[in-house]
Amino acid sequence: MKFERRVRVGIRLKLFGFLLPIAFLLVGSVTWTVTEVTKDTLRRDLLQRGAAISRVVALSAGHSLLANDPLGLDRLVSETKASDPDIAFVSIRDTSDIVVAHDRVTERGKPFRPVPPLLSRGTFGDTRADEVNRDGRRIIEYTSPISFAGRRVGIASLGLSMEGLATAQRSIQQRIFAAAAVILVAAFFGTMLLSSFITTPVKRLHQGVLSLAGSETFQPVAARSSDELGALTRNFNRMAEVNIAQKTALQKKAVQLEEAYISMVRVIAASLDARDPYTMGHSTRVARMACALGRCLEMDEAELSNLEREAIFHDIGKIQTPDDVLLKGERLSRAEEEQMKSHAVDGTEILRMAPFLQRYIPVVRAHHEWYNGEGYPDGIKGDEIPLHAQLIALADAFDAMTTDRPYRQALSTEEAIDEILQFRGTQFAPELADAFAKMMREMPPMDETVLKSMAL
């Protein structure tokens, strides 16, 4: 089972990366729109305010202008100028364009100085508004005719500074930007919260899938919502339960089938041992000694179980060895030895027929390999030889030496141990040979009763 472990962008980050720009774009567009609308509103308010003041001045100045009342006109100009800090100047002139009242006394009696408009700001009734540059200041200049009793008697001019407009716009803009910044921060954390809220159930499902697919014990995924994700999670839990039940049943059947295969091979191995009265119980004794040595090497029970089966199967290939070779009462000829040696390869072919038994093939094939590479069938050496095969080789050699044969008497335990130690470093790994010798010297002798019980 292989899962992608490369660095990747998770769904939470993808959702966050999708929602956050949208939130920023939305807040930015709203901020820009509000700013422009506010600017336009302030500009329009300024224009209308200036036009209204200019018309009031024109209406108020008609009587005083006809009555030749300079004090009344001066008071009107002075009060108007003082009424609004944005008013740059107030001027009243007669029909000859001579200034008769001005907030700056020095301008009285002088001809009115017109300046070319930079930009027309429109008309409000009979009042015209133009953006001009007067005395180095950019202002909006209003011109309103002064009429009395249906007769035009003069002109009122009023300048409204744009500095106040700019100041107001900056103030409003700063407030809007501050509010936008707060909203963006809230949008950032809100997007994180929303992404987490949406993706947390998905992440739980992902962990559940990994747990179900792996060897971990599956824990049902918590379904805390009643929406589609909650329904999906509950359906996944039900599916996982069915899957686990089916997997358990299949594993149980696989174990049963494997045990059936192994039992069958055990019977074959026992039958093979029974073909030769001199090797009765050989595979069982080899398994016993190999597992005892495995325990000395601190192997766990699962590994010992595999070792025991490999030892039972190690000579299974001899089923194809002819009786006249297997049961010959004297030493084998060279050709017969080659036939006998083929049992390691023949055993692998037999085990290959059953998929459950193929994991035992490397050990069965290598149990006659030598530590120095002079064994058979592949001539491998040292650590190339599976450890289990090396343990079985020691037990196999010891049992062969301590069993009577037609052409020789069995060696004693000590004689067989000495023989094994003579081949340490050549046929057997030195440390394993030493451990086997130590174990056999400490092990109670295997009398006839034990051998018979092992052969059953």
Protein backbone atom coordinates (compact mmCIF):
# COMPACT_ATOMS: atom_id res chain seq x y z
CA MET A 1 0.00 0.00 0.00
CA LYS A 2 1.43 3.29 -1.10
CA PHE A 3 0.07 6.71 -0.26
CA GLU A 4 1.38 9.97 -1.63
CA ARG A 5 3.56 11.66 0.96
CA ARG A 6 4.80 14.58 -1.14
CA VAL A 7 4.18 18.14 0.00
CA ARG A 8 0.77 19.13 -1.30
CA VAL A 9 -1.84 21.84 -0.88
CA GLY A 10 -4.66 20.63 1.36
CA ILE A 11 -8.34 21.28 0.76
CA ARG A 12 -8.46 23.72 3.70
CA LEU A 13 -5.69 25.86 2.19
CA LYS A 14 -7.33 25.66 -1.24
CA LEU A 15 -10.67 26.78 0.18
CA PHE A 16 -8.98 29.49 2.22
CA GLY A 17 -7.05 30.64 -0.86
CA PHE A 18 -10.30 30.74 -2.84
CA LEU A 19 -12.48 32.53 -0.29
CA LEU A 20 -9.95 35.06 1.02
CA PRO A 21 -9.29 36.78 -2.36
CA ILE A 22 -13.03 36.94 -2.94
CA ALA A 23 -13.52 38.55 0.47
CA PHE A 24 -10.65 41.00 -0.17
CA LEU A 25 -12.00 41.79 -3.63
CA LEU A 26 -15.48 42.33 -2.25
CA VAL A 27 -14.28 44.56 0.60
CA GLY A 28 -11.95 46.43 -1.75
CA SER A 29 -14.67 47.06 -4.32
CA VAL A 30 -17.13 48.16 -1.64
CA THR A 31 -14.49 50.45 -0.13
CA TRP A 32 -13.70 52.01 -3.50
CA THR A 33 -17.40 52.43 -4.30
CA VAL A 34 -18.19 53.99 -0.93
CA THR A 35 -15.16 56.28 -1.22
CA GLU A 36 -16.14 57.49 -4.67
CA VAL A 37 -19.80 57.92 -3.69
CA THR A 38 -18.72 59.85 -0.59
CA LYS A 39 -16.40 62.07 -2.62
CA ASP A 40 -19.16 62.75 -5.11
CA THR A 41 -21.65 63.46 -2.33
CA LEU A 42 -19.27 65.86 -0.58
CA ARG A 43 -18.48 67.60 -3.86
CA ARG A 44 -22.18 67.93 -4.71
CA ASP A 45 -22.95 69.15 -1.20
CA LEU A 46 -20.20 71.77 -1.49
CA LEU A 47 -21.50 72.97 -4.84
CA GLN A 48 -25.10 73.19 -3.62
CA ARG A 49 -24.06 74.87 -0.38
CA GLY A 50 -22.03 77.49 -2.22
CA ALA A 51 -24.86 78.11 -4.72
CA ALA A 52 -27.35 78.52 -1.88
CA ILE A 53 -25.10 81.02 -0.05
CA SER A 54 -24.51 82.95 -3.26
CA ARG A 55 -28.25 83.22 -3.96
CA VAL A 56 -28.93 84.37 -0.37
CA VAL A 57 -26.29 87.10 -0.75
CA ALA A 58 -27.82 88.16 -4.07
CA LEU A 59 -31.33 88.31 -2.62
CA SER A 60 -30.20 90.21 0.48
CA ALA A 61 -28.07 92.74 -1.39
CA GLY A 62 -30.74 94.08 -3.83
CA HIS A 63 -32.43 96.57 -1.51
CA SER A 64 -29.17 97.84 0.02
CA LEU A 65 -27.66 98.23 -3.42
CA LEU A 66 -30.63 100.34 -4.65
CA ALA A 67 -30.72 102.32 -1.43
CA ASN A 68 -26.99 102.99 -1.76
CA ASP A 69 -26.45 101.53 1.71
CA PRO A 70 -22.72 100.62 1.87
CA LEU A 71 -22.90 99.80 5.57
CA GLY A 72 -25.66 97.30 4.97
CA LEU A 73 -23.68 95.74 2.13
CA ASP A 74 -20.50 95.60 4.23
CA ARG A 75 -22.39 93.93 7.09
CA LEU A 76 -23.88 91.40 4.64
CA VAL A 77 -20.48 90.61 3.18
CA SER A 78 -18.82 90.39 6.62
CA GLU A 79 -21.49 88.15 8.13
CA THR A 80 -21.53 85.90 5.09
CA LYS A 81 -17.74 85.51 5.18
CA ALA A 82 -17.83 84.68 8.88
CA SER A 83 -20.66 82.17 8.47
CA ASP A 84 -18.56 79.50 6.76
CA PRO A 85 -14.78 78.90 7.06
CA ASP A 86 -14.71 77.51 3.51
CA ILE A 87 -15.73 80.90 2.01
CA ALA A 88 -12.66 82.40 0.34
CA PHE A 89 -14.21 85.75 -0.55
CA VAL A 90 -17.56 87.57 -0.92
CA SER A 91 -17.96 90.35 -3.45
CA ILE A 92 -20.85 92.58 -4.53
CA ARG A 93 -20.52 94.73 -7.63
CA ASP A 94 -22.82 96.98 -9.53
CA THR A 95 -23.88 96.68 -13.13
CA SER A 96 -20.63 98.39 -14.18
CA ASP A 97 -18.62 95.58 -12.53
CA ILE A 98 -17.29 98.00 -9.88
CA VAL A 99 -16.89 96.35 -6.49
CA VAL A 100 -19.13 98.12 -4.00
CA ALA A 101 -18.64 95.62 -1.12
CA HIS A 102 -15.94 93.06 -0.43
CA ASP A 103 -14.68 91.18 2.60
CA ARG A 104 -11.30 92.78 1.82
CA VAL A 105 -11.75 96.53 2.13
CA THR A 106 -8.92 97.22 -0.34
CA GLU A 107 -11.00 95.79 -3.16
CA ARG A 108 -13.83 98.31 -2.81
CA GLY A 109 -14.25 100.77 -5.66
CA LYS A 110 -12.06 98.67 -7.96
CA PRO A 111 -13.21 96.90 -11.08
CA PHE A 112 -13.91 93.22 -10.47
CA ARG A 113 -11.05 91.04 -11.72
CA PRO A 114 -12.50 88.10 -13.65
CA VAL A 115 -10.32 84.95 -14.11
CA PRO A 116 -10.78 82.31 -16.80
CA PRO A 117 -12.59 79.23 -15.53
CA LEU A 118 -10.59 75.98 -15.34
CA LEU A 119 -13.67 73.80 -15.19
CA SER A 120 -17.37 74.51 -15.29
CA ARG A 121 -19.21 73.05 -12.32
CA GLY A 122 -22.66 73.68 -13.75
CA THR A 123 -25.54 76.05 -13.02
CA PHE A 124 -27.95 76.10 -10.13
CA GLY A 125 -30.95 78.13 -11.24
CA ASP A 126 -29.51 81.51 -12.30
CA THR A 127 -26.26 80.88 -10.36
CA ARG A 128 -23.23 79.71 -12.31
CA ALA A 129 -20.37 77.74 -10.65
CA ASP A 130 -16.83 77.54 -12.11
CA GLU A 131 -13.62 76.09 -10.79
CA VAL A 132 -10.92 78.77 -10.99
CA ASN A 133 -7.47 79.57 -9.73
CA ARG A 134 -7.61 82.95 -8.00
CA ASP A 135 -4.62 84.40 -6.14
CA GLY A 136 -2.89 81.00 -6.20
CA ARG A 137 -5.82 79.18 -4.64
CA ARG A 138 -8.05 76.70 -6.38
CA ILE A 139 -11.63 77.70 -5.55
CA ILE A 140 -15.16 77.33 -6.84
CA GLU A 141 -16.47 80.75 -7.82
CA TYR A 142 -20.22 81.37 -7.85
CA THR A 143 -21.82 84.20 -9.78
CA SER A 144 -25.43 85.18 -9.00
CA PRO A 145 -27.31 88.16 -10.51
CA ILE A 146 -28.78 90.71 -8.07
CA SER A 147 -32.30 91.72 -9.05
CA PHE A 148 -34.85 93.95 -7.37
CA ALA A 149 -38.41 94.56 -8.53
CA GLY A 150 -37.62 92.73 -11.73
CA ARG A 151 -34.62 94.88 -12.53
CA ARG A 152 -31.01 93.71 -12.52
CA VAL A 153 -29.02 95.98 -10.18
CA GLY A 154 -25.73 94.12 -9.69
CA ILE A 155 -23.84 90.85 -9.35
CA ALA A 156 -22.86 88.82 -6.28
CA SER A 157 -19.70 86.71 -6.45
CA LEU A 158 -18.62 84.16 -3.86
CA GLY A 159 -15.54 81.98 -3.72
CA LEU A 160 -15.66 78.65 -1.91
CA SER A 161 -12.34 77.03 -1.03
CA MET A 162 -11.79 73.39 -2.09
CA GLU A 163 -9.37 72.77 0.79
CA GLY A 164 -12.25 72.02 3.11
CA LEU A 165 -13.60 69.57 0.57
CA ALA A 166 -10.22 67.85 0.31
CA THR A 167 -9.89 67.75 4.10
CA ALA A 168 -13.37 66.29 4.49
CA GLN A 169 -12.68 63.76 1.77
CA ARG A 170 -9.43 62.68 3.40
CA SER A 171 -11.12 62.36 6.78
CA ILE A 172 -13.96 60.29 5.36
CA GLN A 173 -11.52 58.22 3.31
CA GLN A 174 -9.40 57.46 6.38
CA ARG A 175 -12.47 56.33 8.27
CA ILE A 176 -13.60 54.17 5.37
CA PHE A 177 -10.12 52.60 5.07
CA ALA A 178 -9.99 51.98 8.83
CA ALA A 179 -13.39 50.29 8.67
CA ALA A 180 -12.26 48.31 5.61
CA ALA A 181 -9.13 47.18 7.46
CA VAL A 182 -11.23 45.95 10.38
CA ILE A 183 -13.57 44.19 7.97
CA LEU A 184 -10.60 42.59 6.14
CA VAL A 185 -9.14 41.29 9.40
CA ALA A 186 -12.56 39.94 10.31
CA ALA A 187 -12.84 38.46 6.80
CA PHE A 188 -9.41 36.82 7.19
CA PHE A 189 -10.29 35.10 10.45
CA GLY A 190 -13.85 34.44 9.29
CA THR A 191 -12.52 32.75 6.16
CA MET A 192 -10.17 30.64 8.28
CA LEU A 193 -13.05 29.67 10.55
CA LEU A 194 -15.32 28.88 7.62
CA SER A 195 -12.60 26.84 5.89
CA SER A 196 -11.99 24.92 9.11
CA PHE A 197 -15.71 24.38 9.64
CA ILE A 198 -16.12 22.99 6.12
CA THR A 199 -12.90 20.99 5.87
CA THR A 200 -12.68 19.49 9.38
CA PRO A 201 -15.30 16.79 8.60
CA VAL A 202 -13.50 16.10 5.29
CA LYS A 203 -10.20 15.78 7.15
CA ARG A 204 -11.80 13.36 9.60
CA LEU A 205 -13.08 11.32 6.67
CA HIS A 206 -9.59 11.34 5.14
CA GLN A 207 -8.06 10.06 8.38
CA GLY A 208 -10.81 7.43 8.55
CA VAL A 209 -10.00 6.25 5.03
CA LEU A 210 -6.28 6.03 5.87
CA SER A 211 -7.11 4.13 9.07
CA LEU A 212 -9.41 1.77 7.20
CA ALA A 213 -6.89 1.21 4.41
CA GLY A 214 -3.98 0.75 6.80
CA SER A 215 -3.34 -1.74 9.53
CA GLU A 216 -4.56 0.55 12.30
CA THR A 217 -7.61 -0.26 14.36
CA PHE A 218 -10.49 1.59 12.72
CA GLN A 219 -12.36 4.10 14.87
CA PRO A 220 -15.72 5.40 13.57
CA VAL A 221 -15.50 8.98 12.34
CA ALA A 222 -17.45 11.42 14.51
CA ALA A 223 -20.47 12.88 12.67
CA ARG A 224 -21.42 16.09 14.46
CA SER A 225 -23.59 17.73 11.80
CA SER A 226 -26.89 16.90 10.16
CA ASP A 227 -25.96 18.24 6.73
CA GLU A 228 -24.65 16.39 3.66
CA LEU A 229 -21.17 15.97 5.20
CA GLY A 230 -22.72 14.44 8.32
CA ALA A 231 -24.74 12.01 6.18
CA LEU A 232 -21.62 11.16 4.17
CA THR A 233 -19.68 10.48 7.38
CA ARG A 234 -22.39 8.19 8.76
CA ASN A 235 -22.59 6.30 5.48
CA PHE A 236 -18.80 5.96 5.47
CA ASN A 237 -18.89 4.48 8.99
CA ARG A 238 -21.49 1.93 7.90
CA MET A 239 -19.45 1.07 4.82
CA ALA A 240 -16.30 0.72 6.94
CA GLU A 241 -18.08 -1.66 9.33
CA VAL A 242 -19.20 -3.83 6.41
CA ASN A 243 -15.71 -3.68 4.91
CA ILE A 244 -14.04 -4.66 8.19
CA ALA A 245 -16.48 -7.53 8.70
CA GLN A 246 -15.81 -8.81 5.19
CA LYS A 247 -12.07 -8.34 5.61
CA THR A 248 -12.14 -10.26 8.91
CA ALA A 249 -14.14 -13.07 7.32
CA LEU A 250 -11.73 -13.24 4.39
CA GLN A 251 -8.72 -13.25 6.70
CA LYS A 252 -10.29 -16.04 8.73
CA LYS A 253 -10.94 -18.07 5.58
CA ALA A 254 -7.40 -17.35 4.36
CA VAL A 255 -5.98 -18.59 7.66
CA GLN A 256 -8.16 -21.67 7.48
CA LEU A 257 -7.08 -22.33 3.91
CA GLU A 258 -3.43 -21.81 4.80
CA GLU A 259 -3.76 -24.17 7.75
CA ALA A 260 -5.37 -26.71 5.43
CA TYR A 261 -2.44 -26.44 3.02
CA ILE A 262 0.06 -26.66 5.86
CA SER A 263 -1.71 -29.66 7.37
CA MET A 264 -1.65 -31.34 4.00
CA VAL A 265 2.09 -30.69 3.62
CA ARG A 266 2.67 -31.90 7.19
CA VAL A 267 0.98 -35.16 6.26
CA ILE A 268 3.13 -35.38 3.14
CA ALA A 269 6.27 -34.64 5.18
CA ALA A 270 5.31 -37.26 7.76
CA SER A 271 4.62 -39.77 4.98
CA LEU A 272 7.98 -38.95 3.47
CA ASP A 273 9.74 -39.56 6.80
CA ALA A 274 7.85 -42.85 7.09
CA ARG A 275 9.29 -44.07 3.76
CA ASP A 276 12.62 -44.55 5.52
CA PRO A 277 12.54 -46.16 8.97
CA TYR A 278 15.92 -44.57 9.71
CA THR A 279 14.58 -41.03 9.23
CA MET A 280 11.25 -41.49 11.06
CA GLY A 281 10.38 -38.18 12.77
CA HIS A 282 13.36 -36.40 11.16
CA SER A 283 11.44 -33.26 10.09
CA THR A 284 9.76 -32.95 13.49
CA ARG A 285 13.07 -33.25 15.35
CA VAL A 286 14.71 -30.71 13.05
CA ALA A 287 11.80 -28.34 13.68
CA ARG A 288 12.13 -28.82 17.44
CA MET A 289 15.87 -28.08 17.50
CA ALA A 290 15.64 -25.18 15.04
CA CYS A 291 12.89 -23.52 17.09
CA ALA A 292 14.84 -24.08 20.31
CA LEU A 293 17.80 -22.31 18.73
CA GLY A 294 15.46 -19.56 17.50
CA ARG A 295 14.30 -19.01 21.08
CA CYS A 296 17.91 -18.70 22.17
CA LEU A 297 18.22 -15.95 19.56
CA GLU A 298 15.12 -14.26 21.07
CA MET A 299 12.83 -14.70 18.06
CA ASP A 300 9.18 -13.83 18.63
CA GLU A 301 6.36 -16.38 18.39
CA ALA A 302 5.28 -15.38 14.87
CA GLU A 303 8.82 -15.88 13.56
CA LEU A 304 9.17 -19.16 15.43
CA SER A 305 5.92 -20.36 13.86
CA ASN A 306 7.31 -19.67 10.39
CA LEU A 307 10.60 -21.34 11.30
CA GLU A 308 8.77 -24.45 12.55
CA ARG A 309 6.83 -24.74 9.27
CA GLU A 310 9.94 -24.21 7.17
CA ALA A 311 11.69 -26.99 9.09
CA ILE A 312 8.72 -29.35 8.56
CA PHE A 313 8.81 -28.56 4.81
CA HIS A 314 12.59 -28.56 4.33
CA ASP A 315 12.80 -32.08 2.85
CA ILE A 316 9.43 -32.03 1.06
CA GLY A 317 11.25 -32.25 -2.29
CA LYS A 318 12.41 -35.79 -1.46
CA ILE A 319 8.94 -36.96 -2.41
CA GLN A 320 10.26 -36.91 -5.99
CA THR A 321 13.44 -38.82 -5.08
CA PRO A 322 13.25 -42.48 -6.24
CA ASP A 323 13.07 -45.15 -3.52
CA ASP A 324 16.21 -46.87 -4.80
CA VAL A 325 18.12 -43.69 -4.06
CA LEU A 326 16.28 -42.55 -0.92
CA LEU A 327 16.30 -45.99 0.73
CA LYS A 328 19.69 -47.24 -0.51
CA GLY A 329 21.50 -49.09 2.27
CA GLU A 330 24.98 -47.99 1.26
CA ARG A 331 26.75 -44.84 0.23
CA LEU A 332 25.31 -43.14 -2.85
CA SER A 333 27.12 -42.91 -6.15
CA ARG A 334 27.98 -39.51 -7.62
CA ALA A 335 24.93 -39.60 -9.90
CA GLU A 336 22.70 -40.64 -7.01
CA GLU A 337 24.07 -37.82 -4.87
CA GLU A 338 23.08 -35.34 -7.58
CA GLN A 339 19.59 -36.85 -7.59
CA MET A 340 19.41 -36.51 -3.81
CA LYS A 341 20.66 -32.89 -3.97
CA SER A 342 17.83 -31.96 -6.33
CA HIS A 343 15.34 -32.25 -3.47
CA ALA A 344 16.02 -28.61 -2.44
CA VAL A 345 14.90 -27.36 -5.86
CA ASP A 346 12.08 -29.92 -6.09
CA GLY A 347 10.75 -28.70 -2.74
CA THR A 348 10.51 -25.14 -3.99
CA GLU A 349 8.52 -26.31 -7.03
CA ILE A 350 6.08 -28.17 -4.78
CA LEU A 351 5.59 -25.15 -2.50
CA ARG A 352 5.19 -22.88 -5.52
CA MET A 353 1.92 -24.65 -6.36
CA ALA A 354 0.21 -23.16 -3.29
CA PRO A 355 0.24 -19.33 -3.00
CA PHE A 356 0.06 -19.54 0.80
CA LEU A 357 3.24 -21.62 0.97
CA GLN A 358 5.42 -19.59 -1.39
CA ARG A 359 6.82 -17.46 1.45
CA TYR A 360 8.62 -20.59 2.74
CA ILE A 361 10.42 -21.21 -0.59
CA PRO A 362 13.65 -19.20 0.06
CA VAL A 363 14.40 -21.13 3.26
CA VAL A 364 13.50 -24.57 1.85
CA ARG A 365 15.68 -23.89 -1.21
CA ALA A 366 18.68 -22.67 0.84
CA HIS A 367 18.82 -25.18 3.72
CA HIS A 368 21.83 -26.97 2.15
CA GLU A 369 23.81 -23.81 1.35
CA TRP A 370 27.18 -23.48 3.10
CA TYR A 371 28.47 -20.45 4.93
CA ASN A 372 31.58 -20.40 2.66
CA GLY A 373 29.51 -20.68 -0.54
CA GLU A 374 30.29 -24.35 -1.31
CA GLY A 375 26.74 -25.59 -0.70
CA TYR A 376 23.90 -26.16 -3.15
CA PRO A 377 21.79 -25.44 -5.18
CA ASP A 378 22.80 -21.76 -5.69
CA GLY A 379 26.22 -21.48 -4.04
CA ILE A 380 25.27 -18.44 -1.98
CA LYS A 381 27.25 -17.63 1.17
CA GLY A 382 27.36 -15.71 4.41
CA ASP A 383 24.46 -13.35 5.06
CA GLU A 384 23.04 -14.17 1.62
CA ILE A 385 21.71 -17.37 3.18
CA PRO A 386 18.40 -16.77 5.02
CA LEU A 387 18.85 -16.98 8.81
CA HIS A 388 16.10 -19.61 9.13
CA ALA A 389 17.85 -21.78 6.52
CA GLN A 390 21.07 -21.60 8.54
CA LEU A 391 19.28 -22.70 11.72
CA ILE A 392 17.56 -25.59 9.91
CA ALA A 393 20.91 -26.63 8.38
CA LEU A 394 22.45 -26.99 11.85
CA ALA A 395 19.50 -29.02 13.19
CA ASP A 396 19.38 -31.11 9.98
CA ALA A 397 23.09 -31.97 10.17
CA PHE A 398 22.92 -32.78 13.88
CA ASP A 399 19.88 -35.06 13.47
CA ALA A 400 21.50 -36.85 10.51
CA MET A 401 24.67 -37.51 12.53
CA THR A 402 22.80 -38.75 15.61
CA THR A 403 20.55 -41.16 13.66
CA ASP A 404 21.60 -44.75 12.77
CA ARG A 405 22.10 -45.44 9.08
CA PRO A 406 22.62 -48.83 7.37
CA TYR A 407 26.18 -47.87 6.49
CA ARG A 408 27.16 -46.31 9.86
CA GLN A 409 26.23 -46.05 13.50
CA ALA A 410 24.80 -42.84 15.01
CA LEU A 411 27.22 -40.46 16.69
CA SER A 412 26.77 -39.42 20.27
CA THR A 413 25.53 -35.94 21.07
CA GLU A 414 28.99 -34.71 22.00
CA GLU A 415 30.57 -36.28 18.92
CA ALA A 416 27.97 -34.62 16.69
CA ILE A 417 28.55 -31.28 18.42
CA ASP A 418 32.33 -31.61 17.90
CA GLU A 419 31.71 -32.39 14.23
CA ILE A 420 29.56 -29.28 13.83
CA LEU A 421 32.16 -27.10 15.54
CA GLN A 422 34.81 -28.42 13.14
CA PHE A 423 32.75 -26.97 10.29
CA ARG A 424 32.13 -23.54 11.91
CA GLY A 425 33.14 -20.90 9.41
CA THR A 426 32.93 -23.30 6.47
CA GLN A 427 29.56 -25.05 6.47
CA PHE A 428 28.02 -23.10 9.37
CA ALA A 429 28.14 -19.49 10.58
CA PRO A 430 30.58 -19.42 13.54
CA GLU A 431 28.29 -17.59 15.98
CA LEU A 432 25.32 -19.84 15.11
CA ALA A 433 27.42 -23.00 15.42
CA ASP A 434 28.63 -21.88 18.86
CA ALA A 435 25.08 -21.04 19.98
CA PHE A 436 23.80 -24.42 18.72
CA ALA A 437 26.57 -26.33 20.48
CA LYS A 438 25.89 -24.51 23.76
CA MET A 439 22.16 -25.16 23.44
CA MET A 440 22.54 -28.89 22.69
CA ARG A 441 24.90 -29.40 25.60
CA GLU A 442 22.35 -27.79 27.92
CA MET A 443 19.32 -29.51 26.38
CA PRO A 444 18.05 -32.74 28.00
CA PRO A 445 18.88 -35.76 25.82
CA MET A 446 16.14 -36.87 23.39
CA ASP A 447 15.39 -40.44 24.45
CA GLU A 448 13.29 -42.95 22.51
CA THR A 449 10.04 -41.85 24.15
CA VAL A 450 10.55 -38.25 23.07
CA LEU A 451 11.50 -39.28 19.55
CA LYS A 452 8.39 -41.43 19.18
CA SER A 453 6.13 -38.64 20.41
CA MET A 454 7.79 -36.22 18.01
CA ALA A 455 7.29 -38.56 15.11
CA LEU A 456 3.51 -38.81 15.65
